[in-house]
């Protein structure tokens, strides 16, 4: 059967290379980056209909329809030389022609299964553009994932302060149809063990659920401390998700 594009209300949704894939509905979180750029986060989308990416200062993520064999080739042609990208996929891949995989992270995708969540006792402050230098500094120190000068534009970033210094934060990243990703969960090493991460995640859950969205997140598969926290809060593993940092 000839491959074709399956479209949703936002436009391109996914690429169907075989008749076998017609027997079930496609889960948008199998390809979260491309589907975010085709749906709620399409205001950030650059590239073409088939190959999309964020501005590097927002996020290094890039994606294309599942099974689209020319994806990396077209990305190579579209992006400036030495532009770094982050590619997310449930399966493992070989290094694409013309690209150099500089780092690989084996991760897990979690989805929140509850309809409600407990109230949080903290009162975090919404972060603004004036807080970006401290946000970038905290992310650089704790390494929750890529965080740049415009990452705050994904929205709903909140933080906790001690003596006017940002000590913990979290926010949102990919918005995929009716799913919202919690991201940049980090706490300054001097303030670990005080429950700040869990409280900030609960705060995000309240926001996301109040919007009628389903929360999800990603974590390294060897980060047992974070995994244990997410499971206690009601998240369940959805699938593996591998992250490839590449440059061409």
C-alpha atoms as a PDB file:
ATOM      1  CA  UNK A   1       0.000   0.000   0.000  1.00  0.00           C
ATOM      2  CA  UNK A   2       1.256   3.501  -0.813  1.00  0.00           C
ATOM      3  CA  UNK A   3       2.324   5.486   2.280  1.00  0.00           C
ATOM      4  CA  UNK A   4       0.153   8.474   3.192  1.00  0.00           C
ATOM      5  CA  UNK A   5      -0.300  11.129   5.852  1.00  0.00           C
ATOM      6  CA  UNK A   6      -2.911  10.776   8.569  1.00  0.00           C
ATOM      7  CA  UNK A   7      -4.169  14.208   9.593  1.00  0.00           C
ATOM      8  CA  UNK A   8      -5.847  15.447  12.750  1.00  0.00           C
ATOM      9  CA  UNK A   9      -7.514  18.780  13.470  1.00  0.00           C
ATOM     10  CA  UNK A  10      -4.121  20.499  13.606  1.00  0.00           C
ATOM     11  CA  UNK A  11      -2.734  19.216  10.303  1.00  0.00           C
ATOM     12  CA  UNK A  12      -0.182  16.483   9.774  1.00  0.00           C
ATOM     13  CA  UNK A  13      -0.371  13.937  12.575  1.00  0.00           C
ATOM     14  CA  UNK A  14       1.756  10.985  11.518  1.00  0.00           C
ATOM     15  CA  UNK A  15       3.124   9.000   8.623  1.00  0.00           C
ATOM     16  CA  UNK A  16       1.690   5.567   7.839  1.00  0.00           C
ATOM     17  CA  UNK A  17       4.221   3.416   5.963  1.00  0.00           C
ATOM     18  CA  UNK A  18       2.408   0.046   6.070  1.00  0.00           C
ATOM     19  CA  UNK A  19      -1.103  -1.384   6.108  1.00  0.00           C
ATOM     20  CA  UNK A  20      -0.396  -2.965   9.516  1.00  0.00           C
ATOM     21  CA  UNK A  21      -0.466   0.466  11.143  1.00  0.00           C
ATOM     22  CA  UNK A  22      -4.036   1.032   9.981  1.00  0.00           C
ATOM     23  CA  UNK A  23      -5.286  -1.510  12.504  1.00  0.00           C
ATOM     24  CA  UNK A  24      -4.878   0.788  15.517  1.00  0.00           C
ATOM     25  CA  UNK A  25      -5.059   4.441  16.433  1.00  0.00           C
ATOM     26  CA  UNK A  26      -1.683   6.141  16.612  1.00  0.00           C
ATOM     27  CA  UNK A  27      -0.632   7.341  20.053  1.00  0.00           C
ATOM     28  CA  UNK A  28       0.672  10.913  19.634  1.00  0.00           C
ATOM     29  CA  UNK A  29       3.151  10.410  22.486  1.00  0.00           C
ATOM     30  CA  UNK A  30       5.044   7.813  20.447  1.00  0.00           C
ATOM     31  CA  UNK A  31       6.383  10.774  18.463  1.00  0.00           C
ATOM     32  CA  UNK A  32       5.923  13.653  20.904  1.00  0.00           C
ATOM     33  CA  UNK A  33       8.197  16.246  19.309  1.00  0.00           C
ATOM     34  CA  UNK A  34       6.806  16.143  15.786  1.00  0.00           C
ATOM     35  CA  UNK A  35       3.221  15.905  17.016  1.00  0.00           C
ATOM     36  CA  UNK A  36       3.718  18.855  19.366  1.00  0.00           C
ATOM     37  CA  UNK A  37       5.055  20.925  16.473  1.00  0.00           C
ATOM     38  CA  UNK A  38       2.011  19.927  14.421  1.00  0.00           C
ATOM     39  CA  UNK A  39      -0.485  20.714  17.168  1.00  0.00           C
ATOM     40  CA  UNK A  40      -0.410  22.988  20.201  1.00  0.00           C
ATOM     41  CA  UNK A  41       3.230  24.061  19.801  1.00  0.00           C
ATOM     42  CA  UNK A  42       2.937  24.777  16.093  1.00  0.00           C
ATOM     43  CA  UNK A  43       3.546  28.490  16.780  1.00  0.00           C
ATOM     44  CA  UNK A  44       7.186  27.492  17.391  1.00  0.00           C
ATOM     45  CA  UNK A  45       7.480  25.267  14.312  1.00  0.00           C
ATOM     46  CA  UNK A  46      10.145  25.882  11.725  1.00  0.00           C
ATOM     47  CA  UNK A  47      11.007  23.729   8.727  1.00  0.00           C
ATOM     48  CA  UNK A  48       8.579  22.110   6.318  1.00  0.00           C
ATOM     49  CA  UNK A  49       5.380  20.086   6.467  1.00  0.00           C
ATOM     50  CA  UNK A  50       7.338  16.858   6.867  1.00  0.00           C
ATOM     51  CA  UNK A  51      10.336  18.006   8.910  1.00  0.00           C
ATOM     52  CA  UNK A  52       9.999  20.397  11.841  1.00  0.00           C
ATOM     53  CA  UNK A  53      12.195  21.869  14.555  1.00  0.00           C
ATOM     54  CA  UNK A  54      12.248  24.556  17.236  1.00  0.00           C
ATOM     55  CA  UNK A  55      14.425  27.627  17.279  1.00  0.00           C
ATOM     56  CA  UNK A  56      17.565  26.504  19.088  1.00  0.00           C
ATOM     57  CA  UNK A  57      17.110  29.050  21.904  1.00  0.00           C
ATOM     58  CA  UNK A  58      13.660  27.598  22.622  1.00  0.00           C
ATOM     59  CA  UNK A  59      14.624  23.924  22.364  1.00  0.00           C
ATOM     60  CA  UNK A  60      17.019  21.755  20.342  1.00  0.00           C
ATOM     61  CA  UNK A  61      14.215  19.275  19.549  1.00  0.00           C
ATOM     62  CA  UNK A  62      13.539  18.320  15.933  1.00  0.00           C
ATOM     63  CA  UNK A  63      11.244  15.678  14.483  1.00  0.00           C
ATOM     64  CA  UNK A  64       9.461  14.198  11.512  1.00  0.00           C
ATOM     65  CA  UNK A  65       6.696  11.606  10.950  1.00  0.00           C
ATOM     66  CA  UNK A  66       7.363   8.106  12.255  1.00  0.00           C
ATOM     67  CA  UNK A  67       8.707   5.944   9.454  1.00  0.00           C
ATOM     68  CA  UNK A  68       9.632   8.876   7.208  1.00  0.00           C
ATOM     69  CA  UNK A  69      12.919   7.691   5.723  1.00  0.00           C
ATOM     70  CA  UNK A  70      14.058  11.069   4.362  1.00  0.00           C
ATOM     71  CA  UNK A  71      13.682  12.854   7.693  1.00  0.00           C
ATOM     72  CA  UNK A  72      17.321  13.210   8.657  1.00  0.00           C
ATOM     73  CA  UNK A  73      18.328  13.974   5.081  1.00  0.00           C
ATOM     74  CA  UNK A  74      15.830  16.848   4.901  1.00  0.00           C
ATOM     75  CA  UNK A  75      16.814  18.117   8.346  1.00  0.00           C
ATOM     76  CA  UNK A  76      20.432  18.152   7.186  1.00  0.00           C
ATOM     77  CA  UNK A  77      19.469  20.299   4.208  1.00  0.00           C
ATOM     78  CA  UNK A  78      17.279  22.683   6.193  1.00  0.00           C
ATOM     79  CA  UNK A  79      19.438  23.372   9.240  1.00  0.00           C
ATOM     80  CA  UNK A  80      22.592  25.511   9.336  1.00  0.00           C
ATOM     81  CA  UNK A  81      25.884  23.638   9.619  1.00  0.00           C
ATOM     82  CA  UNK A  82      26.846  22.611  13.166  1.00  0.00           C
ATOM     83  CA  UNK A  83      23.298  23.182  14.421  1.00  0.00           C
ATOM     84  CA  UNK A  84      22.708  20.726  17.266  1.00  0.00           C
ATOM     85  CA  UNK A  85      19.440  18.826  17.478  1.00  0.00           C
ATOM     86  CA  UNK A  86      17.761  16.546  19.985  1.00  0.00           C
ATOM     87  CA  UNK A  87      15.788  13.655  18.524  1.00  0.00           C
ATOM     88  CA  UNK A  88      13.370  11.567  20.637  1.00  0.00           C
ATOM     89  CA  UNK A  89      12.187   8.092  19.649  1.00  0.00           C
ATOM     90  CA  UNK A  90      10.996   4.996  21.566  1.00  0.00           C
ATOM     91  CA  UNK A  91      13.346   2.683  19.649  1.00  0.00           C
ATOM     92  CA  UNK A  92      17.113   2.828  19.287  1.00  0.00           C
ATOM     93  CA  UNK A  93      18.603   4.094  16.032  1.00  0.00           C
ATOM     94  CA  UNK A  94      21.898   3.975  14.185  1.00  0.00           C
ATOM     95  CA  UNK A  95      23.812   7.162  13.445  1.00  0.00           C
ATOM     96  CA  UNK A  96      22.140   8.778  10.403  1.00  0.00           C
ATOM     97  CA  UNK A  97      24.176   9.616   7.322  1.00  0.00           C
ATOM     98  CA  UNK A  98      25.598  13.120   7.616  1.00  0.00           C
ATOM     99  CA  UNK A  99      25.016  13.329  11.362  1.00  0.00           C
ATOM    100  CA  UNK A 100      27.182  12.710  14.404  1.00  0.00           C
ATOM    101  CA  UNK A 101      25.525  11.380  17.551  1.00  0.00           C
ATOM    102  CA  UNK A 102      27.396  13.167  20.339  1.00  0.00           C
ATOM    103  CA  UNK A 103      25.324  11.849  23.243  1.00  0.00           C
ATOM    104  CA  UNK A 104      22.559   9.309  23.805  1.00  0.00           C
ATOM    105  CA  UNK A 105      20.215   9.121  26.796  1.00  0.00           C
ATOM    106  CA  UNK A 106      18.041   6.107  27.462  1.00  0.00           C
ATOM    107  CA  UNK A 107      14.868   7.370  29.066  1.00  0.00           C
ATOM    108  CA  UNK A 108      11.337   6.547  30.086  1.00  0.00           C
ATOM    109  CA  UNK A 109       8.077   8.306  29.353  1.00  0.00           C
ATOM    110  CA  UNK A 110       5.583   8.562  32.213  1.00  0.00           C
ATOM    111  CA  UNK A 111       1.888   9.513  32.068  1.00  0.00           C
ATOM    112  CA  UNK A 112      -0.206  10.707  34.990  1.00  0.00           C
ATOM    113  CA  UNK A 113      -3.252   8.472  35.334  1.00  0.00           C
ATOM    114  CA  UNK A 114      -5.206  10.371  37.981  1.00  0.00           C
ATOM    115  CA  UNK A 115      -8.125  12.733  37.397  1.00  0.00           C
ATOM    116  CA  UNK A 116      -7.195  14.810  40.455  1.00  0.00           C
ATOM    117  CA  UNK A 117      -4.133  15.325  42.638  1.00  0.00           C
ATOM    118  CA  UNK A 118      -3.423  16.318  46.248  1.00  0.00           C
ATOM    119  CA  UNK A 119      -3.074  19.996  47.057  1.00  0.00           C
ATOM    120  CA  UNK A 120       0.420  21.380  47.459  1.00  0.00           C
ATOM    121  CA  UNK A 121       1.383  23.402  50.528  1.00  0.00           C
ATOM    122  CA  UNK A 122       3.845  25.633  48.750  1.00  0.00           C
ATOM    123  CA  UNK A 123       3.167  28.908  46.984  1.00  0.00           C
ATOM    124  CA  UNK A 124       5.703  29.154  44.146  1.00  0.00           C
ATOM    125  CA  UNK A 125       6.200  32.354  42.213  1.00  0.00           C
ATOM    126  CA  UNK A 126       5.558  32.468  38.480  1.00  0.00           C
ATOM    127  CA  UNK A 127       8.851  33.033  36.708  1.00  0.00           C
ATOM    128  CA  UNK A 128       9.269  35.792  34.146  1.00  0.00           C
ATOM    129  CA  UNK A 129      11.808  36.907  31.588  1.00  0.00           C
ATOM    130  CA  UNK A 130      13.758  38.720  34.318  1.00  0.00           C
ATOM    131  CA  UNK A 131      14.348  35.360  36.006  1.00  0.00           C
ATOM    132  CA  UNK A 132      15.843  33.701  32.922  1.00  0.00           C
ATOM    133  CA  UNK A 133      19.522  34.177  33.912  1.00  0.00           C
ATOM    134  CA  UNK A 134      18.886  32.393  37.220  1.00  0.00           C
ATOM    135  CA  UNK A 135      16.798  29.709  35.473  1.00  0.00           C
ATOM    136  CA  UNK A 136      19.579  29.004  32.966  1.00  0.00           C
ATOM    137  CA  UNK A 137      22.138  28.936  35.784  1.00  0.00           C
ATOM    138  CA  UNK A 138      20.070  26.471  37.859  1.00  0.00           C
ATOM    139  CA  UNK A 139      19.503  24.241  34.830  1.00  0.00           C
ATOM    140  CA  UNK A 140      23.216  24.310  33.992  1.00  0.00           C
ATOM    141  CA  UNK A 141      24.026  23.260  37.564  1.00  0.00           C
ATOM    142  CA  UNK A 142      21.415  20.488  37.896  1.00  0.00           C
ATOM    143  CA  UNK A 143      21.141  19.289  34.257  1.00  0.00           C
ATOM    144  CA  UNK A 144      17.412  18.483  34.027  1.00  0.00           C
ATOM    145  CA  UNK A 145      17.641  18.689  30.224  1.00  0.00           C
ATOM    146  CA  UNK A 146      18.265  21.394  27.612  1.00  0.00           C
ATOM    147  CA  UNK A 147      17.313  24.840  28.847  1.00  0.00           C
ATOM    148  CA  UNK A 148      18.050  28.042  26.950  1.00  0.00           C
ATOM    149  CA  UNK A 149      17.172  31.719  26.913  1.00  0.00           C
ATOM    150  CA  UNK A 150      13.744  31.223  25.297  1.00  0.00           C
ATOM    151  CA  UNK A 151      12.712  27.914  26.879  1.00  0.00           C
ATOM    152  CA  UNK A 152      10.515  29.910  29.250  1.00  0.00           C
ATOM    153  CA  UNK A 153       8.227  30.599  26.278  1.00  0.00           C
ATOM    154  CA  UNK A 154       6.767  27.094  26.666  1.00  0.00           C
ATOM    155  CA  UNK A 155       4.993  28.624  29.647  1.00  0.00           C
ATOM    156  CA  UNK A 156       3.914  28.004  33.226  1.00  0.00           C
ATOM    157  CA  UNK A 157       7.348  28.115  34.836  1.00  0.00           C
ATOM    158  CA  UNK A 158       7.245  28.454  38.618  1.00  0.00           C
ATOM    159  CA  UNK A 159      10.028  28.573  41.158  1.00  0.00           C
ATOM    160  CA  UNK A 160      10.985  28.777  44.808  1.00  0.00           C
ATOM    161  CA  UNK A 161      13.465  31.318  46.140  1.00  0.00           C
ATOM    162  CA  UNK A 162      15.753  31.583  49.152  1.00  0.00           C
ATOM    163  CA  UNK A 163      17.317  34.983  49.849  1.00  0.00           C
ATOM    164  CA  UNK A 164      16.223  36.097  46.364  1.00  0.00           C
ATOM    165  CA  UNK A 165      18.076  33.183  44.755  1.00  0.00           C
ATOM    166  CA  UNK A 166      16.177  30.618  42.669  1.00  0.00           C
ATOM    167  CA  UNK A 167      16.568  27.229  44.363  1.00  0.00           C
ATOM    168  CA  UNK A 168      13.949  25.048  42.626  1.00  0.00           C
ATOM    169  CA  UNK A 169      11.728  25.240  39.571  1.00  0.00           C
ATOM    170  CA  UNK A 170       9.633  23.355  37.093  1.00  0.00           C
ATOM    171  CA  UNK A 171       7.583  24.213  34.039  1.00  0.00           C
ATOM    172  CA  UNK A 172       6.080  22.870  30.851  1.00  0.00           C
ATOM    173  CA  UNK A 173       7.621  21.868  27.532  1.00  0.00           C
ATOM    174  CA  UNK A 174       5.912  19.838  24.810  1.00  0.00           C
ATOM    175  CA  UNK A 175       2.168  20.302  24.327  1.00  0.00           C
ATOM    176  CA  UNK A 176       0.872  17.391  22.258  1.00  0.00           C
ATOM    177  CA  UNK A 177      -2.837  17.623  21.459  1.00  0.00           C
ATOM    178  CA  UNK A 178      -4.443  16.982  24.881  1.00  0.00           C
ATOM    179  CA  UNK A 179      -1.158  16.085  26.622  1.00  0.00           C
ATOM    180  CA  UNK A 180       1.130  18.520  28.465  1.00  0.00           C
ATOM    181  CA  UNK A 181       4.706  17.706  29.439  1.00  0.00           C
ATOM    182  CA  UNK A 182       6.157  18.673  32.812  1.00  0.00           C
ATOM    183  CA  UNK A 183       9.807  19.583  32.401  1.00  0.00           C
ATOM    184  CA  UNK A 184      12.855  21.300  33.940  1.00  0.00           C
ATOM    185  CA  UNK A 185      12.225  19.722  37.339  1.00  0.00           C
ATOM    186  CA  UNK A 186      15.287  20.762  39.307  1.00  0.00           C
ATOM    187  CA  UNK A 187      16.438  21.709  42.791  1.00  0.00           C
ATOM    188  CA  UNK A 188      19.702  23.326  43.839  1.00  0.00           C
ATOM    189  CA  UNK A 189      21.976  20.683  45.433  1.00  0.00           C
ATOM    190  CA  UNK A 190      22.092  22.660  48.679  1.00  0.00           C
ATOM    191  CA  UNK A 191      18.322  22.326  49.038  1.00  0.00           C
ATOM    192  CA  UNK A 192      17.722  18.682  48.166  1.00  0.00           C
ATOM    193  CA  UNK A 193      15.626  16.496  50.464  1.00  0.00           C
ATOM    194  CA  UNK A 194      13.143  19.230  51.372  1.00  0.00           C
ATOM    195  CA  UNK A 195      10.316  18.042  49.113  1.00  0.00           C
ATOM    196  CA  UNK A 196      10.526  20.967  46.718  1.00  0.00           C
ATOM    197  CA  UNK A 197      10.507  18.878  43.516  1.00  0.00           C
ATOM    198  CA  UNK A 198       7.442  16.891  44.558  1.00  0.00           C
ATOM    199  CA  UNK A 199       5.592  20.019  45.649  1.00  0.00           C
ATOM    200  CA  UNK A 200       6.356  21.823  42.384  1.00  0.00           C
ATOM    201  CA  UNK A 201       5.226  18.815  40.345  1.00  0.00           C
ATOM    202  CA  UNK A 202       1.949  18.731  42.297  1.00  0.00           C
ATOM    203  CA  UNK A 203       1.540  22.418  41.483  1.00  0.00           C
ATOM    204  CA  UNK A 204       2.039  21.646  37.783  1.00  0.00           C
ATOM    205  CA  UNK A 205      -0.435  18.766  37.984  1.00  0.00           C
ATOM    206  CA  UNK A 206      -3.061  21.127  39.371  1.00  0.00           C
ATOM    207  CA  UNK A 207      -2.510  23.578  36.517  1.00  0.00           C
ATOM    208  CA  UNK A 208      -2.512  20.945  33.775  1.00  0.00           C
ATOM    209  CA  UNK A 209      -5.544  19.056  35.092  1.00  0.00           C
ATOM    210  CA  UNK A 210      -7.473  22.319  35.505  1.00  0.00           C
ATOM    211  CA  UNK A 211      -6.931  22.874  31.773  1.00  0.00           C
ATOM    212  CA  UNK A 212      -8.391  19.459  30.963  1.00  0.00           C
ATOM    213  CA  UNK A 213      -5.002  18.133  29.863  1.00  0.00           C
ATOM    214  CA  UNK A 214      -3.178  14.877  30.634  1.00  0.00           C
ATOM    215  CA  UNK A 215       0.237  15.377  32.283  1.00  0.00           C
ATOM    216  CA  UNK A 216       3.281  13.428  31.104  1.00  0.00           C
ATOM    217  CA  UNK A 217       7.038  13.672  31.526  1.00  0.00           C
ATOM    218  CA  UNK A 218      10.353  12.074  30.612  1.00  0.00           C
ATOM    219  CA  UNK A 219      13.203  10.884  32.803  1.00  0.00           C
ATOM    220  CA  UNK A 220      16.519   9.069  32.428  1.00  0.00           C
ATOM    221  CA  UNK A 221      15.965   5.349  32.981  1.00  0.00           C
ATOM    222  CA  UNK A 222      18.798   5.285  35.537  1.00  0.00           C
ATOM    223  CA  UNK A 223      17.472   8.191  37.630  1.00  0.00           C
ATOM    224  CA  UNK A 224      15.904   6.018  40.300  1.00  0.00           C
ATOM    225  CA  UNK A 225      15.405   8.882  42.730  1.00  0.00           C
ATOM    226  CA  UNK A 226      13.232  10.781  40.262  1.00  0.00           C
ATOM    227  CA  UNK A 227      11.435   7.637  39.070  1.00  0.00           C
ATOM    228  CA  UNK A 228      10.488   6.747  42.638  1.00  0.00           C
ATOM    229  CA  UNK A 229       9.107  10.259  43.163  1.00  0.00           C
ATOM    230  CA  UNK A 230       7.053  10.171  39.971  1.00  0.00           C
ATOM    231  CA  UNK A 231       5.602   6.785  40.840  1.00  0.00           C
ATOM    232  CA  UNK A 232       4.633   7.990  44.328  1.00  0.00           C
ATOM    233  CA  UNK A 233       2.846  10.939  42.748  1.00  0.00           C
ATOM    234  CA  UNK A 234       0.780   8.675  40.487  1.00  0.00           C
ATOM    235  CA  UNK A 235       2.722   8.542  37.218  1.00  0.00           C
ATOM    236  CA  UNK A 236       2.964   5.252  35.316  1.00  0.00           C
ATOM    237  CA  UNK A 237       5.509   4.208  32.701  1.00  0.00           C
ATOM    238  CA  UNK A 238       4.133   4.562  29.199  1.00  0.00           C
ATOM    239  CA  UNK A 239       7.116   3.516  27.060  1.00  0.00           C
ATOM    240  CA  UNK A 240      10.879   3.855  26.680  1.00  0.00           C
ATOM    241  CA  UNK A 241      12.041   7.062  25.032  1.00  0.00           C
ATOM    242  CA  UNK A 242      15.566   7.450  23.697  1.00  0.00           C
ATOM    243  CA  UNK A 243      17.116  10.879  23.252  1.00  0.00           C
ATOM    244  CA  UNK A 244      19.843  11.498  20.685  1.00  0.00           C
ATOM    245  CA  UNK A 245      21.905  14.697  20.697  1.00  0.00           C
ATOM    246  CA  UNK A 246      23.283  15.157  17.197  1.00  0.00           C
ATOM    247  CA  UNK A 247      25.218  17.659  15.112  1.00  0.00           C
ATOM    248  CA  UNK A 248      25.989  17.836  11.398  1.00  0.00           C
END
